[in-house]
Amino acid sequence: MGGYDNYGRKNGEHRRTSIRGCIVSLELSVLNSVIVKKGENELPGLTVVGKPRMRGPKRASKIQKLFNLSKDDDVQKDVNTYRRTFTTKSSKKSSKAPKIQRLVTPLTLQRKRGRTSEKKKRIVKAESKATEYQKLLASDLKEQRERHSESLAKKRSKTHKNLFQNANEFILFELNWGSFVYSNGVGSRVAHM
């Protein structure tokens, strides 16, 4: 089996070949071909009846390109040129045409305007919320700083009072100790020490 290393193709497995070229094999379900030269006889289903193309373009810009239209021209009229008419199973006549995509209509333009206005509103709302939040943050920080400075001032005043009180006590102690030493007659010994 060609094109396969180490094993043969299983039943129903597609034959993988990179380039078919002109090979026509049994596993091909469809074969696209072009009649280059017509012979004497007609080919039934090919040259006897000319089959129209089933579908035209669906996208608005491609329809404009096909019919050489400008952007302002109405595309819907030209789609009717390849509208397909057929009879249904219940023997009613009906027609089909592709639904045009990317068609610019007043409604689509209105939707676009709505989307842009919504976006602008969202931006304005977000900006206002951000400014409010910044104000709130600033006020909180200010309050925090004030509280911190107040607590620092209290601490400083307490430490200052304590230092002053300790200094006074120390002076009193020294005075008392000195008088005690001298009154007991140990002044000369303390002085020598």
N, C-alpha and C. Protein backbone atom coordinates (compact mmCIF):
# COMPACT_ATOMS: atom_id res chain seq x y z
N MET A 1 0.85 -1.18 0.00
CA MET A 1 0.00 0.00 0.00
C MET A 1 0.89 1.24 0.00
N GLY A 2 0.74 2.06 -1.03
CA GLY A 2 1.61 3.22 -1.17
C GLY A 2 1.24 4.36 -0.23
N GLY A 3 2.23 5.12 0.18
CA GLY A 3 1.98 6.31 1.00
C GLY A 3 1.85 6.02 2.47
N TYR A 4 2.06 4.77 2.90
CA TYR A 4 1.92 4.42 4.30
C TYR A 4 3.15 3.66 4.76
N ASP A 5 3.73 4.09 5.87
CA ASP A 5 4.88 3.39 6.43
C ASP A 5 4.41 2.32 7.41
N ASN A 6 4.96 1.14 7.30
CA ASN A 6 4.83 0.04 8.27
C ASN A 6 3.44 -0.60 8.36
N TYR A 7 2.44 -0.08 7.74
CA TYR A 7 1.14 -0.75 7.81
C TYR A 7 0.31 -0.42 6.57
N GLY A 8 -0.61 -1.31 6.25
CA GLY A 8 -1.50 -1.07 5.12
C GLY A 8 -2.73 -0.31 5.55
N ARG A 9 -3.41 0.29 4.62
CA ARG A 9 -4.59 1.09 4.93
C ARG A 9 -5.73 0.20 5.38
N LYS A 10 -6.46 0.64 6.42
CA LYS A 10 -7.60 -0.14 6.90
C LYS A 10 -8.79 0.09 5.98
N ASN A 11 -9.79 -0.76 6.12
CA ASN A 11 -11.00 -0.61 5.30
C ASN A 11 -11.72 0.68 5.66
N GLY A 12 -12.05 1.48 4.67
CA GLY A 12 -12.77 2.72 4.90
C GLY A 12 -11.89 3.90 5.26
N GLU A 13 -10.59 3.67 5.43
CA GLU A 13 -9.68 4.77 5.77
C GLU A 13 -9.33 5.54 4.51
N HIS A 14 -9.29 6.88 4.63
CA HIS A 14 -8.97 7.71 3.47
C HIS A 14 -7.53 7.52 3.05
N ARG A 15 -7.32 7.58 1.78
CA ARG A 15 -5.96 7.47 1.27
C ARG A 15 -5.33 8.86 1.34
N ARG A 16 -4.27 8.99 2.12
CA ARG A 16 -3.62 10.29 2.28
C ARG A 16 -2.52 10.43 1.24
N THR A 17 -2.72 11.29 0.30
CA THR A 17 -1.66 11.59 -0.67
C THR A 17 -1.53 13.10 -0.75
N SER A 18 -0.32 13.58 -0.90
CA SER A 18 -0.10 15.02 -0.90
C SER A 18 -0.64 15.65 -2.18
N ILE A 19 -0.33 15.08 -3.34
CA ILE A 19 -0.80 15.63 -4.62
C ILE A 19 -1.42 14.51 -5.43
N ARG A 20 -2.67 14.68 -5.82
CA ARG A 20 -3.33 13.65 -6.62
C ARG A 20 -2.97 13.77 -8.10
N GLY A 21 -2.79 14.98 -8.56
CA GLY A 21 -2.51 15.14 -9.99
C GLY A 21 -3.71 14.73 -10.80
N CYS A 22 -3.55 13.81 -11.73
CA CYS A 22 -4.65 13.35 -12.58
C CYS A 22 -5.19 12.00 -12.15
N ILE A 23 -4.86 11.55 -10.93
CA ILE A 23 -5.31 10.22 -10.49
C ILE A 23 -6.80 10.27 -10.19
N VAL A 24 -7.55 9.36 -10.74
CA VAL A 24 -8.97 9.21 -10.44
C VAL A 24 -9.12 7.82 -9.85
N SER A 25 -9.46 7.76 -8.58
CA SER A 25 -9.58 6.45 -7.93
C SER A 25 -10.99 6.24 -7.41
N LEU A 26 -11.25 5.02 -6.94
CA LEU A 26 -12.61 4.65 -6.54
C LEU A 26 -13.10 5.39 -5.29
N GLU A 27 -12.15 5.82 -4.42
CA GLU A 27 -12.61 6.45 -3.17
C GLU A 27 -13.01 7.91 -3.34
N LEU A 28 -12.88 8.46 -4.55
CA LEU A 28 -13.33 9.84 -4.78
C LEU A 28 -14.84 9.87 -4.94
N SER A 29 -15.50 10.70 -4.11
CA SER A 29 -16.96 10.81 -4.22
C SER A 29 -17.34 11.91 -5.21
N VAL A 30 -16.52 12.95 -5.31
CA VAL A 30 -16.80 14.07 -6.22
C VAL A 30 -15.54 14.36 -7.02
N LEU A 31 -15.73 14.61 -8.29
CA LEU A 31 -14.59 14.96 -9.15
C LEU A 31 -14.93 16.24 -9.90
N ASN A 32 -14.19 17.30 -9.62
CA ASN A 32 -14.40 18.57 -10.32
C ASN A 32 -13.65 18.53 -11.65
N SER A 33 -14.38 18.78 -12.69
CA SER A 33 -13.72 18.76 -14.00
C SER A 33 -14.28 19.89 -14.86
N VAL A 34 -13.49 20.30 -15.83
CA VAL A 34 -13.89 21.36 -16.76
C VAL A 34 -13.84 20.79 -18.18
N ILE A 35 -14.92 21.05 -18.93
CA ILE A 35 -14.95 20.57 -20.33
C ILE A 35 -14.12 21.53 -21.16
N VAL A 36 -13.04 21.03 -21.70
CA VAL A 36 -12.14 21.87 -22.50
C VAL A 36 -12.61 21.89 -23.95
N LYS A 37 -12.93 20.72 -24.48
CA LYS A 37 -13.34 20.63 -25.89
C LYS A 37 -14.60 19.78 -25.98
N LYS A 38 -15.63 20.35 -26.61
CA LYS A 38 -16.89 19.63 -26.73
C LYS A 38 -16.87 18.76 -27.98
N GLY A 39 -17.34 17.53 -27.82
CA GLY A 39 -17.39 16.60 -28.96
C GLY A 39 -18.67 16.76 -29.76
N GLU A 40 -18.97 15.73 -30.56
CA GLU A 40 -20.16 15.79 -31.43
C GLU A 40 -21.44 15.61 -30.62
N ASN A 41 -21.45 14.67 -29.71
CA ASN A 41 -22.66 14.37 -28.94
C ASN A 41 -22.76 15.25 -27.69
N GLU A 42 -24.01 15.38 -27.22
CA GLU A 42 -24.27 16.13 -25.98
C GLU A 42 -24.06 15.21 -24.78
N LEU A 43 -23.62 15.79 -23.69
CA LEU A 43 -23.48 15.04 -22.43
C LEU A 43 -24.72 15.32 -21.58
N PRO A 44 -25.51 14.28 -21.27
CA PRO A 44 -26.73 14.52 -20.48
C PRO A 44 -26.39 15.01 -19.07
N GLY A 45 -27.07 16.08 -18.65
CA GLY A 45 -26.83 16.64 -17.32
C GLY A 45 -25.72 17.67 -17.28
N LEU A 46 -24.92 17.74 -18.36
CA LEU A 46 -23.83 18.71 -18.39
C LEU A 46 -24.03 19.76 -19.48
N THR A 47 -24.05 19.31 -20.70
CA THR A 47 -24.14 20.27 -21.82
C THR A 47 -25.55 20.48 -22.31
N VAL A 48 -26.49 19.61 -21.93
CA VAL A 48 -27.86 19.73 -22.42
C VAL A 48 -28.56 20.90 -21.72
N VAL A 49 -28.51 20.93 -20.40
CA VAL A 49 -29.20 21.96 -19.62
C VAL A 49 -28.15 22.81 -18.91
N GLY A 50 -28.27 24.11 -19.09
CA GLY A 50 -27.36 25.02 -18.38
C GLY A 50 -27.91 25.30 -16.99
N LYS A 51 -27.19 24.88 -15.98
CA LYS A 51 -27.66 25.10 -14.60
C LYS A 51 -27.12 26.44 -14.10
N PRO A 52 -28.00 27.28 -13.59
CA PRO A 52 -27.51 28.56 -13.05
C PRO A 52 -26.78 28.34 -11.73
N ARG A 53 -25.99 29.30 -11.39
CA ARG A 53 -25.27 29.21 -10.12
C ARG A 53 -26.28 29.29 -8.98
N MET A 54 -26.12 28.42 -8.00
CA MET A 54 -27.14 28.30 -6.96
C MET A 54 -27.23 29.54 -6.08
N ARG A 55 -26.09 30.03 -5.65
CA ARG A 55 -26.12 31.14 -4.71
C ARG A 55 -25.23 32.28 -5.17
N GLY A 56 -25.74 33.49 -4.97
CA GLY A 56 -24.91 34.67 -5.21
C GLY A 56 -24.23 35.07 -3.92
N PRO A 57 -23.52 36.19 -3.95
CA PRO A 57 -22.85 36.63 -2.72
C PRO A 57 -23.85 37.05 -1.64
N LYS A 58 -23.43 36.90 -0.40
CA LYS A 58 -24.29 37.18 0.75
C LYS A 58 -23.88 38.47 1.45
N ARG A 59 -22.59 38.77 1.42
CA ARG A 59 -22.08 39.95 2.11
C ARG A 59 -22.37 41.21 1.28
N ALA A 60 -22.76 42.28 1.96
CA ALA A 60 -23.19 43.51 1.28
C ALA A 60 -22.09 44.09 0.40
N SER A 61 -20.86 44.12 0.92
CA SER A 61 -19.75 44.72 0.15
C SER A 61 -19.45 43.91 -1.11
N LYS A 62 -19.63 42.57 -1.02
CA LYS A 62 -19.37 41.73 -2.20
C LYS A 62 -20.47 41.89 -3.25
N ILE A 63 -21.71 42.10 -2.79
CA ILE A 63 -22.81 42.37 -3.72
C ILE A 63 -22.56 43.69 -4.44
N GLN A 64 -22.09 44.70 -3.67
CA GLN A 64 -21.76 46.01 -4.28
C GLN A 64 -20.67 45.85 -5.33
N LYS A 65 -19.69 45.02 -5.04
CA LYS A 65 -18.59 44.80 -5.98
C LYS A 65 -19.10 44.10 -7.24
N LEU A 66 -20.00 43.12 -7.06
CA LEU A 66 -20.52 42.34 -8.19
C LEU A 66 -21.32 43.22 -9.14
N PHE A 67 -22.20 44.07 -8.58
CA PHE A 67 -23.07 44.90 -9.41
C PHE A 67 -22.53 46.31 -9.63
N ASN A 68 -21.29 46.55 -9.19
CA ASN A 68 -20.64 47.85 -9.36
C ASN A 68 -21.49 48.98 -8.76
N LEU A 69 -21.84 48.81 -7.50
CA LEU A 69 -22.67 49.79 -6.80
C LEU A 69 -21.82 50.61 -5.84
N SER A 70 -22.33 51.79 -5.52
CA SER A 70 -21.65 52.61 -4.50
C SER A 70 -22.21 52.24 -3.12
N LYS A 71 -21.65 52.82 -2.09
CA LYS A 71 -22.10 52.49 -0.73
C LYS A 71 -23.50 53.02 -0.44
N ASP A 72 -23.90 54.06 -1.17
CA ASP A 72 -25.22 54.66 -0.93
C ASP A 72 -26.34 53.91 -1.63
N ASP A 73 -26.01 53.12 -2.67
CA ASP A 73 -27.05 52.40 -3.43
C ASP A 73 -27.68 51.29 -2.60
N ASP A 74 -28.95 50.97 -2.95
CA ASP A 74 -29.67 49.92 -2.24
C ASP A 74 -29.26 48.56 -2.80
N VAL A 75 -28.79 47.70 -1.91
CA VAL A 75 -28.28 46.39 -2.31
C VAL A 75 -29.41 45.38 -2.44
N GLN A 76 -30.49 45.60 -1.70
CA GLN A 76 -31.56 44.60 -1.62
C GLN A 76 -32.26 44.35 -2.96
N LYS A 77 -32.31 45.38 -3.80
CA LYS A 77 -32.94 45.20 -5.12
C LYS A 77 -32.14 44.22 -5.97
N ASP A 78 -30.82 44.34 -5.90
CA ASP A 78 -29.97 43.52 -6.76
C ASP A 78 -29.90 42.07 -6.30
N VAL A 79 -30.18 41.82 -5.03
CA VAL A 79 -30.20 40.44 -4.54
C VAL A 79 -31.34 39.67 -5.20
N ASN A 80 -32.42 40.39 -5.54
CA ASN A 80 -33.57 39.74 -6.18
C ASN A 80 -33.23 39.16 -7.55
N THR A 81 -32.13 39.62 -8.16
CA THR A 81 -31.74 39.06 -9.47
C THR A 81 -31.34 37.60 -9.35
N TYR A 82 -30.81 37.21 -8.20
CA TYR A 82 -30.53 35.78 -8.03
C TYR A 82 -31.38 35.16 -6.92
N ARG A 83 -32.62 35.65 -6.85
CA ARG A 83 -33.61 35.02 -5.96
C ARG A 83 -34.08 33.73 -6.63
N ARG A 84 -34.16 32.66 -5.85
CA ARG A 84 -34.49 31.35 -6.38
C ARG A 84 -35.97 31.06 -6.14
N THR A 85 -36.69 30.71 -7.18
CA THR A 85 -38.10 30.32 -7.02
C THR A 85 -38.21 28.80 -7.17
N PHE A 86 -39.02 28.21 -6.32
CA PHE A 86 -39.19 26.75 -6.37
C PHE A 86 -40.54 26.40 -5.77
N THR A 87 -40.94 25.15 -6.02
CA THR A 87 -42.21 24.67 -5.46
C THR A 87 -41.89 23.76 -4.27
N THR A 88 -42.62 23.94 -3.22
CA THR A 88 -42.41 23.14 -2.01
C THR A 88 -43.07 21.78 -2.16
N LYS A 89 -42.94 20.94 -1.13
CA LYS A 89 -43.54 19.60 -1.16
C LYS A 89 -45.06 19.67 -1.21
N SER A 90 -45.60 20.71 -0.60
CA SER A 90 -47.06 20.88 -0.63
C SER A 90 -47.50 21.66 -1.87
N SER A 91 -46.67 21.63 -2.91
CA SER A 91 -46.91 22.26 -4.23
C SER A 91 -47.28 23.74 -4.13
N LYS A 92 -46.59 24.44 -3.26
CA LYS A 92 -46.74 25.90 -3.18
C LYS A 92 -45.49 26.52 -3.77
N LYS A 93 -45.69 27.64 -4.44
CA LYS A 93 -44.54 28.34 -5.01
C LYS A 93 -43.95 29.28 -3.96
N SER A 94 -42.65 29.19 -3.79
CA SER A 94 -41.99 30.11 -2.86
C SER A 94 -40.63 30.49 -3.43
N SER A 95 -40.03 31.49 -2.84
CA SER A 95 -38.73 31.96 -3.33
C SER A 95 -37.77 32.15 -2.17
N LYS A 96 -36.50 32.06 -2.50
CA LYS A 96 -35.45 32.19 -1.48
C LYS A 96 -34.38 33.11 -2.00
N ALA A 97 -33.88 33.97 -1.12
CA ALA A 97 -32.72 34.80 -1.44
C ALA A 97 -31.86 34.85 -0.19
N PRO A 98 -30.56 34.97 -0.36
CA PRO A 98 -29.70 34.99 0.83
C PRO A 98 -29.94 36.23 1.68
N LYS A 99 -29.84 36.05 2.99
CA LYS A 99 -29.98 37.18 3.91
C LYS A 99 -28.69 37.98 3.84
N ILE A 100 -28.82 39.26 3.57
CA ILE A 100 -27.64 40.10 3.37
C ILE A 100 -27.00 40.40 4.72
N GLN A 101 -25.71 40.13 4.80
CA GLN A 101 -24.96 40.39 6.03
C GLN A 101 -24.17 41.69 5.89
N ARG A 102 -23.86 42.29 7.04
CA ARG A 102 -23.10 43.56 7.10
C ARG A 102 -23.79 44.67 6.29
N LEU A 103 -25.10 44.64 6.31
CA LEU A 103 -25.87 45.65 5.58
C LEU A 103 -26.03 46.87 6.48
N VAL A 104 -25.67 48.03 5.96
CA VAL A 104 -25.76 49.27 6.74
C VAL A 104 -27.16 49.84 6.56
N THR A 105 -27.93 49.82 7.64
CA THR A 105 -29.30 50.35 7.63
C THR A 105 -29.42 51.41 8.73
N PRO A 106 -30.48 52.21 8.69
CA PRO A 106 -30.67 53.20 9.76
C PRO A 106 -30.70 52.57 11.16
N LEU A 107 -31.25 51.35 11.24
CA LEU A 107 -31.33 50.66 12.53
C LEU A 107 -29.94 50.30 13.05
N THR A 108 -29.08 49.79 12.14
CA THR A 108 -27.71 49.42 12.57
C THR A 108 -26.93 50.66 12.99
N LEU A 109 -27.14 51.77 12.26
CA LEU A 109 -26.47 53.02 12.62
C LEU A 109 -26.95 53.52 13.98
N GLN A 110 -28.27 53.37 14.22
CA GLN A 110 -28.84 53.78 15.51
C GLN A 110 -28.24 52.95 16.65
N ARG A 111 -28.11 51.63 16.41
CA ARG A 111 -27.51 50.75 17.42
C ARG A 111 -26.07 51.16 17.71
N LYS A 112 -25.34 51.50 16.64
CA LYS A 112 -23.94 51.91 16.81
C LYS A 112 -23.86 53.19 17.64
N ARG A 113 -24.74 54.16 17.33
CA ARG A 113 -24.78 55.40 18.10
C ARG A 113 -25.09 55.11 19.57
N GLY A 114 -26.04 54.19 19.78
CA GLY A 114 -26.40 53.80 21.15
C GLY A 114 -25.22 53.21 21.90
N ARG A 115 -24.47 52.33 21.21
CA ARG A 115 -23.29 51.71 21.83
C ARG A 115 -22.26 52.74 22.22
N THR A 116 -22.00 53.70 21.31
CA THR A 116 -20.99 54.74 21.60
C THR A 116 -21.44 55.63 22.76
N SER A 117 -22.74 55.97 22.78
CA SER A 117 -23.25 56.82 23.87
C SER A 117 -23.16 56.09 25.21
N GLU A 118 -23.48 54.78 25.20
CA GLU A 118 -23.37 53.97 26.42
C GLU A 118 -21.93 53.94 26.92
N LYS A 119 -21.00 53.80 25.97
CA LYS A 119 -19.58 53.75 26.32
C LYS A 119 -19.15 55.07 26.97
N LYS A 120 -19.60 56.20 26.36
CA LYS A 120 -19.26 57.52 26.91
C LYS A 120 -19.82 57.68 28.32
N LYS A 121 -21.07 57.23 28.51
CA LYS A 121 -21.70 57.32 29.83
C LYS A 121 -20.90 56.52 30.86
N ARG A 122 -20.48 55.31 30.45
CA ARG A 122 -19.69 54.46 31.35
C ARG A 122 -18.39 55.14 31.74
N ILE A 123 -17.74 55.78 30.76
CA ILE A 123 -16.46 56.47 31.01
C ILE A 123 -16.65 57.61 32.00
N VAL A 124 -17.71 58.42 31.77
CA VAL A 124 -17.99 59.56 32.66
C VAL A 124 -18.28 59.08 34.08
N LYS A 125 -19.08 58.00 34.18
CA LYS A 125 -19.44 57.44 35.48
C LYS A 125 -18.20 56.95 36.22
N ALA A 126 -17.33 56.25 35.49
CA ALA A 126 -16.10 55.72 36.10
C ALA A 126 -15.20 56.86 36.58
N GLU A 127 -15.10 57.92 35.77
CA GLU A 127 -14.27 59.08 36.16
C GLU A 127 -14.82 59.75 37.42
N SER A 128 -16.15 59.93 37.47
CA SER A 128 -16.75 60.58 38.64
C SER A 128 -16.54 59.72 39.90
N LYS A 129 -16.69 58.40 39.74
CA LYS A 129 -16.46 57.50 40.88
C LYS A 129 -15.02 57.57 41.35
N ALA A 130 -14.10 57.65 40.38
CA ALA A 130 -12.67 57.71 40.72
C ALA A 130 -12.35 58.99 41.49
N THR A 131 -12.92 60.13 41.05
CA THR A 131 -12.68 61.40 41.75
C THR A 131 -13.25 61.36 43.17
N GLU A 132 -14.46 60.79 43.30
CA GLU A 132 -15.07 60.66 44.64
C GLU A 132 -14.18 59.82 45.55
N TYR A 133 -13.68 58.73 45.01
CA TYR A 133 -12.83 57.83 45.80
C TYR A 133 -11.54 58.53 46.22
N GLN A 134 -10.97 59.32 45.29
CA GLN A 134 -9.74 60.05 45.61
C GLN A 134 -9.98 61.06 46.74
N LYS A 135 -11.14 61.75 46.66
CA LYS A 135 -11.49 62.71 47.72
C LYS A 135 -11.62 62.00 49.07
N LEU A 136 -12.31 60.86 49.05
CA LEU A 136 -12.52 60.09 50.27
C LEU A 136 -11.18 59.63 50.85
N LEU A 137 -10.30 59.16 49.96
CA LEU A 137 -8.97 58.72 50.39
C LEU A 137 -8.20 59.86 51.03
N ALA A 138 -8.26 61.03 50.37
CA ALA A 138 -7.53 62.20 50.87
C ALA A 138 -8.03 62.60 52.26
N SER A 139 -9.36 62.61 52.42
CA SER A 139 -9.93 62.99 53.73
C SER A 139 -9.54 61.97 54.81
N ASP A 140 -9.57 60.68 54.45
CA ASP A 140 -9.17 59.64 55.40
C ASP A 140 -7.72 59.80 55.82
N LEU A 141 -6.86 60.06 54.83
CA LEU A 141 -5.44 60.26 55.12
C LEU A 141 -5.22 61.46 56.04
N LYS A 142 -5.98 62.54 55.76
CA LYS A 142 -5.86 63.75 56.57
C LYS A 142 -6.25 63.45 58.02
N GLU A 143 -7.38 62.75 58.19
CA GLU A 143 -7.84 62.39 59.53
C GLU A 143 -6.80 61.52 60.25
N GLN A 144 -6.25 60.56 59.49
CA GLN A 144 -5.24 59.66 60.06
C GLN A 144 -4.03 60.45 60.55
N ARG A 145 -3.57 61.38 59.70
CA ARG A 145 -2.41 62.21 60.07
C ARG A 145 -2.69 63.03 61.33
N GLU A 146 -3.91 63.62 61.36
CA GLU A 146 -4.29 64.43 62.52
C GLU A 146 -4.30 63.59 63.80
N ARG A 147 -4.90 62.38 63.70
CA ARG A 147 -4.94 61.49 64.85
C ARG A 147 -3.54 61.11 65.31
N HIS A 148 -2.69 60.83 64.31
CA HIS A 148 -1.31 60.44 64.60
C HIS A 148 -0.55 61.57 65.29
N SER A 149 -0.72 62.79 64.76
CA SER A 149 -0.02 63.95 65.35
C SER A 149 -0.53 64.23 66.76
N GLU A 150 -1.86 64.05 66.98
CA GLU A 150 -2.43 64.24 68.32
C GLU A 150 -1.84 63.24 69.31
N SER A 151 -1.80 61.97 68.87
CA SER A 151 -1.27 60.94 69.77
C SER A 151 0.21 61.19 70.06
N LEU A 152 0.95 61.64 69.04
CA LEU A 152 2.37 61.97 69.25
C LEU A 152 2.52 63.11 70.26
N ALA A 153 1.67 64.13 70.10
CA ALA A 153 1.73 65.28 71.00
C ALA A 153 1.44 64.85 72.44
N LYS A 154 0.43 63.96 72.60
CA LYS A 154 0.10 63.46 73.94
C LYS A 154 1.28 62.71 74.54
N LYS A 155 1.88 61.83 73.70
CA LYS A 155 3.02 61.05 74.18
C LYS A 155 4.17 61.96 74.60
N ARG A 156 4.43 62.96 73.75
CA ARG A 156 5.54 63.89 74.05
C ARG A 156 5.28 64.65 75.36
N SER A 157 4.05 65.11 75.53
CA SER A 157 3.72 65.86 76.75
C SER A 157 3.86 64.96 77.97
N LYS A 158 3.42 63.69 77.84
CA LYS A 158 3.55 62.75 78.96
C LYS A 158 5.01 62.53 79.32
N THR A 159 5.84 62.27 78.29
CA THR A 159 7.26 62.01 78.55
C THR A 159 7.93 63.24 79.15
N HIS A 160 7.53 64.42 78.66
CA HIS A 160 8.09 65.68 79.19
C HIS A 160 7.73 65.84 80.67
N LYS A 161 6.46 65.58 81.00
CA LYS A 161 6.01 65.66 82.39
C LYS A 161 6.77 64.68 83.26
N ASN A 162 6.88 63.43 82.74
CA ASN A 162 7.58 62.39 83.51
C ASN A 162 9.03 62.77 83.76
N LEU A 163 9.68 63.29 82.71
CA LEU A 163 11.08 63.70 82.86
C LEU A 163 11.22 64.80 83.91
N PHE A 164 10.31 65.78 83.80
CA PHE A 164 10.34 66.91 84.73
C PHE A 164 10.11 66.43 86.16
N GLN A 165 9.14 65.53 86.32
CA GLN A 165 8.81 64.99 87.64
C GLN A 165 9.98 64.19 88.19
N ASN A 166 10.58 63.34 87.33
CA ASN A 166 11.73 62.53 87.75
C ASN A 166 12.90 63.41 88.17
N ALA A 167 13.12 64.47 87.39
CA ALA A 167 14.22 65.39 87.71
C ALA A 167 13.99 66.05 89.08
N ASN A 168 12.76 66.49 89.32
CA ASN A 168 12.42 67.10 90.62
C ASN A 168 12.62 66.12 91.77
N GLU A 169 12.15 64.87 91.54
CA GLU A 169 12.30 63.84 92.58
C GLU A 169 13.78 63.58 92.87
N PHE A 170 14.58 63.53 91.79
CA PHE A 170 16.01 63.27 91.94
C PHE A 170 16.69 64.38 92.75
N ILE A 171 16.32 65.60 92.41
CA ILE A 171 16.89 66.75 93.14
C ILE A 171 16.51 66.69 94.61
N LEU A 172 15.24 66.41 94.88
CA LEU A 172 14.77 66.29 96.27
C LEU A 172 15.51 65.18 97.00
N PHE A 173 15.68 64.04 96.30
CA PHE A 173 16.38 62.91 96.89
C PHE A 173 17.81 63.28 97.27
N GLU A 174 18.47 63.98 96.30
CA GLU A 174 19.86 64.38 96.57
C GLU A 174 19.93 65.32 97.77
N LEU A 175 19.00 66.23 97.80
CA LEU A 175 18.98 67.18 98.92
C LEU A 175 18.75 66.46 100.25
N ASN A 176 17.78 65.55 100.23
CA ASN A 176 17.47 64.80 101.44
C ASN A 176 18.65 63.93 101.86
N TRP A 177 19.26 63.26 100.89
CA TRP A 177 20.39 62.37 101.17
C TRP A 177 21.57 63.15 101.73
N GLY A 178 21.79 64.30 101.14
CA GLY A 178 22.90 65.14 101.62
C GLY A 178 22.69 65.57 103.06
N SER A 179 21.47 65.99 103.36
CA SER A 179 21.19 66.44 104.73
C SER A 179 21.30 65.27 105.70
N PHE A 180 20.88 64.08 105.25
CA PHE A 180 20.95 62.89 106.09
C PHE A 180 22.40 62.54 106.39
N VAL A 181 23.24 62.60 105.36
CA VAL A 181 24.66 62.25 105.52
C VAL A 181 25.33 63.22 106.48
N TYR A 182 25.07 64.48 106.27
CA TYR A 182 25.76 65.49 107.10
C TYR A 182 25.24 65.48 108.54
N SER A 183 23.96 65.16 108.69
CA SER A 183 23.41 65.15 110.05
C SER A 183 23.96 63.98 110.86
N ASN A 184 24.31 62.86 110.21
CA ASN A 184 24.86 61.69 110.89
C ASN A 184 26.36 61.79 111.08
N GLY A 185 26.98 62.81 110.59
CA GLY A 185 28.40 63.01 110.78
C GLY A 185 29.25 62.14 109.88
N VAL A 186 28.72 61.75 108.75
CA VAL A 186 29.51 60.93 107.83
C VAL A 186 29.94 61.76 106.64
N GLY A 187 29.82 63.05 106.74
CA GLY A 187 30.11 63.93 105.61
C GLY A 187 31.53 63.83 105.14
N SER A 188 32.46 63.73 106.14
CA SER A 188 33.87 63.69 105.74
C SER A 188 34.18 62.42 104.97
N ARG A 189 33.57 61.29 105.40
CA ARG A 189 33.83 60.02 104.71
C ARG A 189 33.23 60.01 103.31
N VAL A 190 32.02 60.55 103.16
CA VAL A 190 31.35 60.59 101.85
C VAL A 190 32.12 61.49 100.91
N ALA A 191 32.65 62.59 101.49
CA ALA A 191 33.41 63.53 100.65
C ALA A 191 34.66 62.87 100.13
N HIS A 192 35.34 62.04 100.98
CA HIS A 192 36.56 61.37 100.53
C HIS A 192 36.29 60.29 99.50
N MET A 193 35.15 59.66 99.63
CA MET A 193 34.82 58.59 98.69
C MET A 193 34.68 59.18 97.32
